[in-house]
Amino acid sequence: MNTTDATTVWTVDPAHAELAFSVRHLMISNVRGRFGKVEGTVTVDNADPNQSKIDVTIDVNSIDTRQEMRDNHLRSADFFDAGKHPTMHFVSKRIAGDVTKDFQIIGDLTIRGTTREIELNANLEGRGKDPWGNERAGFHLSGSLNRHDFGLNWNQALEAGGVTVGAEVKISIDVEIYHKLETLSAAA
């Protein structure tokens, strides 16, 4: 059972989670990518939703920028070092704002064994019952981080000035979470 009087545990639906990012390339364009494997839970505090907790793990090896050589480089020790650090992990610390509209999620993100606080802007996109007896909610989140804060320092100077890869990484997340609706028995 995933519900108590105090909390309701929602599960991230990995089939309906898009964790996308973009970063400047050669100082002239953006490279976009995504992580294809994510799992996690949202433990909603029923009395005070702003006290809810989010715990999400992202499989670094699921990175996809639509270019295999670049993806392999991103998995290497130059960037994510997926052999030693196969996952990224986010745990919320606090939620600010109206969770039924626009709000902020502040939490700790761990990449390559380095943990830093980040803030994500969140919007509730909708909520409803699915055909399989689950309640679902959809959210869009956005934010940015400096990759150097997490030890993702590889770069190459350009002959004309500047660098190959920008420091700021823009994040865009669309995700559905769900929980099984409790059914009342006929004897109740």
N, C-alpha and C. Protein backbone atom coordinates (compact mmCIF):
# COMPACT_ATOMS: atom_id res chain seq x y z
N MET A 1 0.85 -1.18 0.00
CA MET A 1 0.00 0.00 0.00
C MET A 1 0.89 1.23 0.00
N ASN A 2 0.52 2.23 -0.76
CA ASN A 2 1.37 3.40 -0.86
C ASN A 2 0.77 4.67 -0.26
N THR A 3 -0.27 4.50 0.57
CA THR A 3 -0.92 5.65 1.17
C THR A 3 -1.08 5.44 2.68
N THR A 4 -0.76 6.46 3.44
CA THR A 4 -1.07 6.50 4.86
C THR A 4 -1.91 7.75 5.07
N ASP A 5 -2.40 7.92 6.30
CA ASP A 5 -3.16 9.14 6.58
C ASP A 5 -2.31 10.38 6.38
N ALA A 6 -1.01 10.25 6.64
CA ALA A 6 -0.12 11.42 6.59
C ALA A 6 0.49 11.65 5.22
N THR A 7 0.75 10.57 4.47
CA THR A 7 1.45 10.73 3.20
C THR A 7 0.86 9.84 2.11
N THR A 8 1.14 10.21 0.88
CA THR A 8 0.82 9.38 -0.29
C THR A 8 2.09 9.29 -1.12
N VAL A 9 2.50 8.05 -1.45
CA VAL A 9 3.71 7.86 -2.25
C VAL A 9 3.32 7.72 -3.72
N TRP A 10 3.86 8.60 -4.53
CA TRP A 10 3.68 8.58 -5.98
C TRP A 10 4.96 8.05 -6.60
N THR A 11 4.83 7.38 -7.73
CA THR A 11 5.98 6.81 -8.43
C THR A 11 6.18 7.54 -9.75
N VAL A 12 7.45 7.83 -10.07
CA VAL A 12 7.77 8.41 -11.36
C VAL A 12 7.51 7.35 -12.43
N ASP A 13 6.77 7.72 -13.48
CA ASP A 13 6.52 6.81 -14.59
C ASP A 13 7.65 6.98 -15.60
N PRO A 14 8.59 6.03 -15.66
CA PRO A 14 9.75 6.20 -16.54
C PRO A 14 9.37 6.27 -18.02
N ALA A 15 8.23 5.70 -18.40
CA ALA A 15 7.80 5.76 -19.80
C ALA A 15 7.26 7.15 -20.16
N HIS A 16 6.99 7.95 -19.15
CA HIS A 16 6.46 9.30 -19.37
C HIS A 16 7.31 10.33 -18.61
N ALA A 17 8.62 10.16 -18.72
CA ALA A 17 9.56 11.10 -18.11
C ALA A 17 10.60 11.49 -19.15
N GLU A 18 10.72 12.76 -19.41
CA GLU A 18 11.70 13.28 -20.36
C GLU A 18 12.61 14.24 -19.60
N LEU A 19 13.86 13.83 -19.39
CA LEU A 19 14.85 14.67 -18.72
C LEU A 19 15.81 15.18 -19.79
N ALA A 20 15.57 16.39 -20.24
CA ALA A 20 16.33 16.96 -21.35
C ALA A 20 17.27 18.05 -20.86
N PHE A 21 18.31 18.30 -21.65
CA PHE A 21 19.27 19.34 -21.33
C PHE A 21 19.78 19.97 -22.62
N SER A 22 20.34 21.17 -22.50
CA SER A 22 21.02 21.80 -23.62
C SER A 22 22.21 22.56 -23.08
N VAL A 23 23.27 22.62 -23.92
CA VAL A 23 24.50 23.30 -23.54
C VAL A 23 25.10 23.92 -24.79
N ARG A 24 25.75 25.07 -24.65
CA ARG A 24 26.37 25.75 -25.78
C ARG A 24 27.51 24.91 -26.35
N HIS A 25 27.61 24.92 -27.68
CA HIS A 25 28.66 24.18 -28.38
C HIS A 25 29.38 25.14 -29.32
N LEU A 26 30.70 25.20 -29.20
CA LEU A 26 31.55 26.04 -30.05
C LEU A 26 31.17 27.52 -29.97
N MET A 27 30.46 27.90 -28.93
CA MET A 27 30.06 29.29 -28.70
C MET A 27 29.06 29.80 -29.74
N ILE A 28 28.52 28.90 -30.58
CA ILE A 28 27.64 29.37 -31.65
C ILE A 28 26.28 28.67 -31.71
N SER A 29 26.13 27.53 -31.03
CA SER A 29 24.87 26.81 -31.10
C SER A 29 24.66 26.02 -29.81
N ASN A 30 23.55 25.31 -29.73
CA ASN A 30 23.25 24.47 -28.57
C ASN A 30 23.22 23.01 -28.98
N VAL A 31 23.74 22.15 -28.12
CA VAL A 31 23.59 20.70 -28.27
C VAL A 31 22.53 20.28 -27.26
N ARG A 32 21.58 19.49 -27.72
CA ARG A 32 20.51 19.01 -26.84
C ARG A 32 20.65 17.51 -26.63
N GLY A 33 20.23 17.08 -25.49
CA GLY A 33 20.26 15.66 -25.18
C GLY A 33 19.23 15.33 -24.13
N ARG A 34 19.22 14.05 -23.76
CA ARG A 34 18.27 13.59 -22.76
C ARG A 34 18.83 12.37 -22.05
N PHE A 35 18.25 12.08 -20.91
CA PHE A 35 18.52 10.84 -20.19
C PHE A 35 17.27 9.99 -20.29
N GLY A 36 17.41 8.74 -20.74
CA GLY A 36 16.27 7.89 -21.02
C GLY A 36 15.80 7.03 -19.86
N LYS A 37 16.61 6.89 -18.81
CA LYS A 37 16.21 6.02 -17.70
C LYS A 37 16.20 6.82 -16.40
N VAL A 38 15.03 6.88 -15.81
CA VAL A 38 14.84 7.59 -14.55
C VAL A 38 13.90 6.79 -13.68
N GLU A 39 14.13 6.83 -12.38
CA GLU A 39 13.20 6.21 -11.43
C GLU A 39 13.15 7.10 -10.19
N GLY A 40 12.04 7.02 -9.49
CA GLY A 40 11.95 7.83 -8.29
C GLY A 40 10.57 7.84 -7.69
N THR A 41 10.48 8.52 -6.56
CA THR A 41 9.22 8.64 -5.83
C THR A 41 9.03 10.08 -5.36
N VAL A 42 7.77 10.42 -5.18
CA VAL A 42 7.38 11.67 -4.56
C VAL A 42 6.48 11.29 -3.39
N THR A 43 6.93 11.58 -2.18
CA THR A 43 6.15 11.29 -0.98
C THR A 43 5.43 12.57 -0.59
N VAL A 44 4.14 12.63 -0.89
CA VAL A 44 3.35 13.83 -0.67
C VAL A 44 2.86 13.87 0.78
N ASP A 45 3.17 14.95 1.44
CA ASP A 45 2.65 15.21 2.79
C ASP A 45 1.23 15.74 2.62
N ASN A 46 0.24 14.92 2.98
CA ASN A 46 -1.17 15.28 2.74
C ASN A 46 -1.62 16.50 3.53
N ALA A 47 -1.03 16.74 4.69
CA ALA A 47 -1.41 17.90 5.50
C ALA A 47 -0.76 19.18 4.97
N ASP A 48 0.48 19.08 4.47
CA ASP A 48 1.21 20.23 3.96
C ASP A 48 2.05 19.81 2.75
N PRO A 49 1.48 19.91 1.54
CA PRO A 49 2.19 19.46 0.34
C PRO A 49 3.57 20.10 0.15
N ASN A 50 3.79 21.28 0.73
CA ASN A 50 5.11 21.91 0.62
C ASN A 50 6.18 21.18 1.43
N GLN A 51 5.77 20.23 2.26
CA GLN A 51 6.71 19.41 3.03
C GLN A 51 6.97 18.06 2.35
N SER A 52 6.47 17.89 1.16
CA SER A 52 6.64 16.65 0.42
C SER A 52 8.11 16.42 0.09
N LYS A 53 8.46 15.17 -0.20
CA LYS A 53 9.84 14.79 -0.49
C LYS A 53 9.93 14.12 -1.86
N ILE A 54 10.94 14.49 -2.62
CA ILE A 54 11.18 13.95 -3.95
C ILE A 54 12.54 13.25 -3.93
N ASP A 55 12.59 12.04 -4.48
CA ASP A 55 13.83 11.27 -4.54
C ASP A 55 13.91 10.61 -5.91
N VAL A 56 14.86 11.06 -6.74
CA VAL A 56 14.95 10.61 -8.13
C VAL A 56 16.38 10.18 -8.46
N THR A 57 16.49 9.07 -9.18
CA THR A 57 17.78 8.57 -9.65
C THR A 57 17.75 8.50 -11.18
N ILE A 58 18.82 9.00 -11.80
CA ILE A 58 18.94 9.04 -13.26
C ILE A 58 20.13 8.18 -13.67
N ASP A 59 19.93 7.29 -14.62
CA ASP A 59 20.98 6.43 -15.14
C ASP A 59 21.83 7.23 -16.13
N VAL A 60 23.08 7.50 -15.77
CA VAL A 60 23.97 8.30 -16.61
C VAL A 60 24.21 7.61 -17.95
N ASN A 61 24.27 6.28 -17.96
CA ASN A 61 24.53 5.56 -19.21
C ASN A 61 23.39 5.70 -20.22
N SER A 62 22.25 6.22 -19.80
CA SER A 62 21.11 6.39 -20.71
C SER A 62 21.16 7.72 -21.46
N ILE A 63 22.28 8.44 -21.37
CA ILE A 63 22.40 9.72 -22.06
C ILE A 63 22.28 9.52 -23.57
N ASP A 64 21.59 10.44 -24.22
CA ASP A 64 21.38 10.35 -25.66
C ASP A 64 21.38 11.75 -26.25
N THR A 65 22.42 12.04 -27.04
CA THR A 65 22.49 13.32 -27.75
C THR A 65 22.37 13.10 -29.26
N ARG A 66 21.96 11.89 -29.66
CA ARG A 66 21.79 11.50 -31.05
C ARG A 66 23.11 11.42 -31.80
N GLN A 67 24.20 11.26 -31.06
CA GLN A 67 25.52 11.12 -31.69
C GLN A 67 26.35 10.20 -30.80
N GLU A 68 26.55 8.95 -31.23
CA GLU A 68 27.16 7.91 -30.39
C GLU A 68 28.55 8.29 -29.88
N MET A 69 29.39 8.87 -30.71
CA MET A 69 30.74 9.22 -30.27
C MET A 69 30.69 10.26 -29.14
N ARG A 70 29.81 11.26 -29.29
CA ARG A 70 29.67 12.27 -28.24
C ARG A 70 29.11 11.64 -26.97
N ASP A 71 28.10 10.77 -27.10
CA ASP A 71 27.54 10.11 -25.92
C ASP A 71 28.60 9.31 -25.18
N ASN A 72 29.44 8.58 -25.90
CA ASN A 72 30.52 7.81 -25.27
C ASN A 72 31.51 8.73 -24.57
N HIS A 73 31.80 9.89 -25.17
CA HIS A 73 32.69 10.85 -24.52
C HIS A 73 32.05 11.39 -23.24
N LEU A 74 30.76 11.67 -23.28
CA LEU A 74 30.07 12.17 -22.08
C LEU A 74 30.04 11.12 -20.96
N ARG A 75 30.03 9.84 -21.30
CA ARG A 75 30.06 8.78 -20.29
C ARG A 75 31.46 8.59 -19.70
N SER A 76 32.47 9.08 -20.39
CA SER A 76 33.87 8.85 -19.99
C SER A 76 34.25 9.68 -18.76
N ALA A 77 35.48 9.47 -18.28
CA ALA A 77 35.99 10.20 -17.13
C ALA A 77 36.12 11.70 -17.40
N ASP A 78 36.15 12.11 -18.67
CA ASP A 78 36.18 13.55 -18.99
C ASP A 78 34.93 14.27 -18.50
N PHE A 79 33.82 13.54 -18.44
CA PHE A 79 32.56 14.15 -18.04
C PHE A 79 31.94 13.39 -16.86
N PHE A 80 30.95 12.51 -17.12
CA PHE A 80 30.20 11.87 -16.04
C PHE A 80 30.94 10.74 -15.35
N ASP A 81 31.94 10.15 -15.97
CA ASP A 81 32.69 9.03 -15.41
C ASP A 81 31.71 7.92 -14.97
N ALA A 82 30.89 7.49 -15.94
CA ALA A 82 29.81 6.54 -15.66
C ALA A 82 30.30 5.21 -15.11
N GLY A 83 31.55 4.82 -15.39
CA GLY A 83 32.08 3.59 -14.83
C GLY A 83 32.16 3.64 -13.31
N LYS A 84 32.50 4.79 -12.76
CA LYS A 84 32.60 4.97 -11.31
C LYS A 84 31.33 5.56 -10.70
N HIS A 85 30.61 6.33 -11.51
CA HIS A 85 29.42 7.05 -11.01
C HIS A 85 28.27 6.82 -11.99
N PRO A 86 27.64 5.65 -11.95
CA PRO A 86 26.64 5.30 -12.97
C PRO A 86 25.30 6.04 -12.85
N THR A 87 25.09 6.74 -11.74
CA THR A 87 23.81 7.44 -11.58
C THR A 87 24.03 8.86 -11.08
N MET A 88 23.03 9.70 -11.35
CA MET A 88 22.88 11.00 -10.71
C MET A 88 21.72 10.85 -9.74
N HIS A 89 21.71 11.64 -8.69
CA HIS A 89 20.67 11.49 -7.67
C HIS A 89 20.21 12.87 -7.22
N PHE A 90 18.88 13.05 -7.16
CA PHE A 90 18.29 14.30 -6.67
C PHE A 90 17.39 14.00 -5.50
N VAL A 91 17.55 14.76 -4.41
CA VAL A 91 16.70 14.65 -3.22
C VAL A 91 16.26 16.07 -2.85
N SER A 92 14.95 16.27 -2.77
CA SER A 92 14.45 17.61 -2.44
C SER A 92 14.73 17.95 -0.97
N LYS A 93 14.90 19.25 -0.73
CA LYS A 93 15.07 19.76 0.63
C LYS A 93 13.87 20.58 1.06
N ARG A 94 13.29 21.31 0.09
CA ARG A 94 12.10 22.11 0.40
C ARG A 94 11.36 22.45 -0.89
N ILE A 95 10.09 22.78 -0.73
CA ILE A 95 9.24 23.18 -1.84
C ILE A 95 8.62 24.51 -1.46
N ALA A 96 8.69 25.47 -2.36
CA ALA A 96 8.16 26.81 -2.08
C ALA A 96 7.14 27.18 -3.15
N GLY A 97 6.05 27.79 -2.72
CA GLY A 97 5.03 28.24 -3.67
C GLY A 97 3.80 27.36 -3.63
N ASP A 98 2.89 27.62 -4.53
CA ASP A 98 1.61 26.91 -4.61
C ASP A 98 1.76 25.67 -5.48
N VAL A 99 1.77 24.49 -4.86
CA VAL A 99 2.02 23.24 -5.60
C VAL A 99 0.90 22.90 -6.57
N THR A 100 -0.21 23.62 -6.54
CA THR A 100 -1.27 23.39 -7.52
C THR A 100 -1.10 24.26 -8.75
N LYS A 101 -0.05 25.09 -8.77
CA LYS A 101 0.19 26.00 -9.90
C LYS A 101 1.68 26.01 -10.22
N ASP A 102 2.32 27.13 -9.90
CA ASP A 102 3.76 27.32 -10.13
C ASP A 102 4.47 27.32 -8.79
N PHE A 103 5.59 26.60 -8.71
CA PHE A 103 6.33 26.52 -7.46
C PHE A 103 7.79 26.21 -7.73
N GLN A 104 8.61 26.23 -6.69
CA GLN A 104 10.02 25.92 -6.81
C GLN A 104 10.34 24.68 -5.97
N ILE A 105 11.24 23.86 -6.52
CA ILE A 105 11.74 22.69 -5.80
C ILE A 105 13.23 22.93 -5.59
N ILE A 106 13.64 22.96 -4.34
CA ILE A 106 15.04 23.16 -3.99
C ILE A 106 15.54 21.85 -3.42
N GLY A 107 16.68 21.38 -3.94
CA GLY A 107 17.18 20.11 -3.45
C GLY A 107 18.63 19.89 -3.80
N ASP A 108 19.15 18.76 -3.37
CA ASP A 108 20.54 18.39 -3.60
C ASP A 108 20.64 17.45 -4.78
N LEU A 109 21.47 17.83 -5.75
CA LEU A 109 21.77 17.01 -6.90
C LEU A 109 23.19 16.49 -6.75
N THR A 110 23.36 15.17 -6.92
CA THR A 110 24.69 14.57 -6.85
C THR A 110 25.07 14.04 -8.22
N ILE A 111 26.21 14.52 -8.72
CA ILE A 111 26.79 14.08 -9.99
C ILE A 111 28.26 13.81 -9.72
N ARG A 112 28.75 12.64 -10.15
CA ARG A 112 30.16 12.27 -9.97
C ARG A 112 30.60 12.33 -8.51
N GLY A 113 29.71 12.06 -7.58
CA GLY A 113 30.06 12.08 -6.16
C GLY A 113 30.08 13.47 -5.55
N THR A 114 29.73 14.49 -6.32
CA THR A 114 29.68 15.87 -5.82
C THR A 114 28.23 16.30 -5.69
N THR A 115 27.88 16.83 -4.53
CA THR A 115 26.51 17.25 -4.26
C THR A 115 26.45 18.77 -4.16
N ARG A 116 25.50 19.34 -4.90
CA ARG A 116 25.26 20.79 -4.87
C ARG A 116 23.76 21.03 -4.84
N GLU A 117 23.37 22.13 -4.21
CA GLU A 117 21.96 22.51 -4.19
C GLU A 117 21.59 23.16 -5.52
N ILE A 118 20.44 22.76 -6.06
CA ILE A 118 19.90 23.40 -7.26
C ILE A 118 18.45 23.77 -7.00
N GLU A 119 17.93 24.66 -7.83
CA GLU A 119 16.52 25.06 -7.76
C GLU A 119 15.88 24.83 -9.11
N LEU A 120 14.73 24.20 -9.09
CA LEU A 120 13.96 23.96 -10.31
C LEU A 120 12.62 24.68 -10.21
N ASN A 121 12.23 25.34 -11.29
CA ASN A 121 10.89 25.92 -11.37
C ASN A 121 9.96 24.83 -11.84
N ALA A 122 8.82 24.69 -11.19
CA ALA A 122 7.89 23.60 -11.49
C ALA A 122 6.49 24.15 -11.76
N ASN A 123 5.79 23.46 -12.65
CA ASN A 123 4.40 23.79 -12.97
C ASN A 123 3.60 22.50 -12.98
N LEU A 124 2.48 22.48 -12.28
CA LEU A 124 1.55 21.36 -12.37
C LEU A 124 0.83 21.50 -13.71
N GLU A 125 0.97 20.49 -14.57
CA GLU A 125 0.37 20.53 -15.91
C GLU A 125 -1.03 19.94 -15.93
N GLY A 126 -1.34 19.06 -14.96
CA GLY A 126 -2.66 18.45 -14.91
C GLY A 126 -2.67 17.25 -13.99
N ARG A 127 -3.88 16.81 -13.68
CA ARG A 127 -4.04 15.69 -12.77
C ARG A 127 -5.33 14.96 -13.12
N GLY A 128 -5.31 13.61 -13.06
CA GLY A 128 -6.51 12.85 -13.36
C GLY A 128 -6.31 11.36 -13.19
N LYS A 129 -7.38 10.62 -13.40
CA LYS A 129 -7.36 9.17 -13.27
C LYS A 129 -7.07 8.55 -14.63
N ASP A 130 -6.20 7.52 -14.64
CA ASP A 130 -5.92 6.82 -15.89
C ASP A 130 -6.83 5.60 -16.03
N PRO A 131 -6.85 4.92 -17.19
CA PRO A 131 -7.74 3.77 -17.41
C PRO A 131 -7.41 2.54 -16.56
N TRP A 132 -6.27 2.54 -15.87
CA TRP A 132 -5.84 1.37 -15.10
C TRP A 132 -6.03 1.54 -13.60
N GLY A 133 -6.76 2.55 -13.19
CA GLY A 133 -7.06 2.74 -11.78
C GLY A 133 -6.02 3.51 -11.00
N ASN A 134 -5.17 4.24 -11.69
CA ASN A 134 -4.16 5.06 -11.02
C ASN A 134 -4.54 6.53 -11.12
N GLU A 135 -4.15 7.28 -10.12
CA GLU A 135 -4.24 8.72 -10.21
C GLU A 135 -2.89 9.21 -10.73
N ARG A 136 -2.90 10.15 -11.67
CA ARG A 136 -1.69 10.67 -12.28
C ARG A 136 -1.63 12.19 -12.16
N ALA A 137 -0.41 12.68 -12.13
CA ALA A 137 -0.18 14.12 -12.18
C ALA A 137 1.02 14.36 -13.09
N GLY A 138 0.93 15.42 -13.89
CA GLY A 138 2.00 15.76 -14.81
C GLY A 138 2.61 17.10 -14.45
N PHE A 139 3.94 17.18 -14.57
CA PHE A 139 4.65 18.39 -14.20
C PHE A 139 5.67 18.75 -15.27
N HIS A 140 5.93 20.05 -15.41
CA HIS A 140 7.05 20.53 -16.21
C HIS A 140 7.98 21.26 -15.25
N LEU A 141 9.28 20.95 -15.32
CA LEU A 141 10.28 21.58 -14.49
C LEU A 141 11.37 22.16 -15.37
N SER A 142 11.97 23.26 -14.93
CA SER A 142 13.07 23.85 -15.68
C SER A 142 14.04 24.50 -14.71
N GLY A 143 15.25 24.65 -15.17
CA GLY A 143 16.29 25.27 -14.37
C GLY A 143 17.60 25.23 -15.11
N SER A 144 18.67 25.54 -14.41
CA SER A 144 20.00 25.47 -15.01
C SER A 144 21.01 25.20 -13.91
N LEU A 145 22.18 24.76 -14.33
CA LEU A 145 23.28 24.52 -13.40
C LEU A 145 24.59 24.78 -14.11
N ASN A 146 25.63 24.99 -13.33
CA ASN A 146 26.97 25.14 -13.87
C ASN A 146 27.65 23.78 -13.77
N ARG A 147 28.00 23.19 -14.90
CA ARG A 147 28.57 21.84 -14.90
C ARG A 147 29.89 21.76 -14.14
N HIS A 148 30.63 22.86 -14.08
CA HIS A 148 31.91 22.88 -13.36
C HIS A 148 31.71 22.66 -11.86
N ASP A 149 30.54 23.05 -11.33
CA ASP A 149 30.24 22.83 -9.91
C ASP A 149 30.23 21.35 -9.55
N PHE A 150 30.07 20.48 -10.55
CA PHE A 150 29.99 19.04 -10.32
C PHE A 150 31.22 18.29 -10.84
N GLY A 151 32.27 19.02 -11.17
CA GLY A 151 33.49 18.39 -11.64
C GLY A 151 33.46 17.97 -13.10
N LEU A 152 32.50 18.48 -13.87
CA LEU A 152 32.42 18.21 -15.31
C LEU A 152 33.19 19.32 -16.01
N ASN A 153 34.51 19.24 -15.96
CA ASN A 153 35.36 20.36 -16.35
C ASN A 153 35.98 20.26 -17.73
N TRP A 154 35.89 19.14 -18.40
CA TRP A 154 36.58 19.00 -19.68
C TRP A 154 36.17 20.11 -20.64
N ASN A 155 37.15 20.61 -21.35
CA ASN A 155 36.89 21.61 -22.37
C ASN A 155 38.09 21.69 -23.30
N GLN A 156 37.94 22.44 -24.36
CA GLN A 156 39.01 22.65 -25.31
C GLN A 156 38.89 24.09 -25.80
N ALA A 157 40.01 24.82 -25.75
CA ALA A 157 40.02 26.21 -26.22
C ALA A 157 39.88 26.23 -27.74
N LEU A 158 39.17 27.23 -28.22
CA LEU A 158 39.01 27.41 -29.66
C LEU A 158 40.04 28.41 -30.19
N GLU A 159 40.51 28.18 -31.37
CA GLU A 159 41.52 29.04 -31.98
C GLU A 159 41.04 30.49 -32.06
N ALA A 160 39.77 30.70 -32.34
CA ALA A 160 39.21 32.04 -32.46
C ALA A 160 38.80 32.65 -31.12
N GLY A 161 39.06 31.92 -30.03
CA GLY A 161 38.64 32.37 -28.70
C GLY A 161 37.42 31.61 -28.25
N GLY A 162 37.24 31.53 -26.96
CA GLY A 162 36.12 30.78 -26.40
C GLY A 162 36.48 29.32 -26.19
N VAL A 163 35.46 28.52 -25.90
CA VAL A 163 35.66 27.11 -25.59
C VAL A 163 34.66 26.25 -26.34
N THR A 164 34.94 24.95 -26.38
CA THR A 164 34.10 24.00 -27.11
C THR A 164 32.74 23.82 -26.44
N VAL A 165 32.74 23.68 -25.10
CA VAL A 165 31.50 23.37 -24.37
C VAL A 165 31.25 24.45 -23.33
N GLY A 166 30.04 25.01 -23.34
CA GLY A 166 29.67 26.03 -22.37
C GLY A 166 29.56 25.48 -20.96
N ALA A 167 29.59 26.36 -19.98
CA ALA A 167 29.50 25.96 -18.57
C ALA A 167 28.05 25.76 -18.11
N GLU A 168 27.13 26.60 -18.62
CA GLU A 168 25.74 26.52 -18.18
C GLU A 168 25.01 25.40 -18.91
N VAL A 169 24.32 24.58 -18.13
CA VAL A 169 23.49 23.51 -18.68
C VAL A 169 22.04 23.85 -18.33
N LYS A 170 21.23 24.01 -19.37
CA LYS A 170 19.80 24.28 -19.17
C LYS A 170 19.06 22.95 -19.07
N ILE A 171 18.14 22.87 -18.12
CA ILE A 171 17.41 21.64 -17.84
C ILE A 171 15.94 21.84 -18.13
N SER A 172 15.32 20.85 -18.78
CA SER A 172 13.88 20.86 -19.05
C SER A 172 13.35 19.45 -18.80
N ILE A 173 12.41 19.32 -17.88
CA ILE A 173 11.90 18.02 -17.48
C ILE A 173 10.38 18.00 -17.61
N ASP A 174 9.87 16.97 -18.26
CA ASP A 174 8.43 16.70 -18.28
C ASP A 174 8.26 15.32 -17.69
N VAL A 175 7.38 15.21 -16.69
CA VAL A 175 7.27 13.94 -15.97
C VAL A 175 5.84 13.71 -15.50
N GLU A 176 5.44 12.44 -15.55
CA GLU A 176 4.19 12.01 -14.92
C GLU A 176 4.54 11.17 -13.70
N ILE A 177 3.76 11.36 -12.66
CA ILE A 177 3.85 10.51 -11.47
C ILE A 177 2.48 9.89 -11.25
N TYR A 178 2.45 8.74 -10.59
CA TYR A 178 1.18 8.06 -10.39
C TYR A 178 1.15 7.34 -9.04
N HIS A 179 -0.07 7.08 -8.58
CA HIS A 179 -0.26 6.19 -7.44
C HIS A 179 -1.58 5.47 -7.62
N LYS A 180 -1.64 4.28 -7.08
CA LYS A 180 -2.83 3.44 -7.17
C LYS A 180 -3.91 4.03 -6.27
N LEU A 181 -5.08 4.28 -6.85
CA LEU A 181 -6.19 4.78 -6.05
C LEU A 181 -6.69 3.67 -5.14
N GLU A 182 -6.97 4.01 -3.91
CA GLU A 182 -7.51 3.03 -2.96
C GLU A 182 -8.97 2.79 -3.29
N THR A 183 -9.38 1.53 -3.32
CA THR A 183 -10.76 1.21 -3.60
C THR A 183 -11.45 0.77 -2.32
N LEU A 184 -12.65 1.20 -2.17
CA LEU A 184 -13.41 0.83 -0.97
C LEU A 184 -14.10 -0.51 -1.23
N SER A 185 -14.04 -1.40 -0.26
CA SER A 185 -14.70 -2.70 -0.42
C SER A 185 -16.21 -2.54 -0.19
N ALA A 186 -16.95 -3.47 -0.71
CA ALA A 186 -18.42 -3.43 -0.58
C ALA A 186 -18.84 -3.55 0.89
N ALA A 187 -18.00 -4.20 1.72
CA ALA A 187 -18.35 -4.37 3.14
C ALA A 187 -18.11 -3.12 3.94
N ALA A 188 -17.38 -2.18 3.40
CA ALA A 188 -17.00 -0.99 4.17
C ALA A 188 -18.13 -0.05 4.37
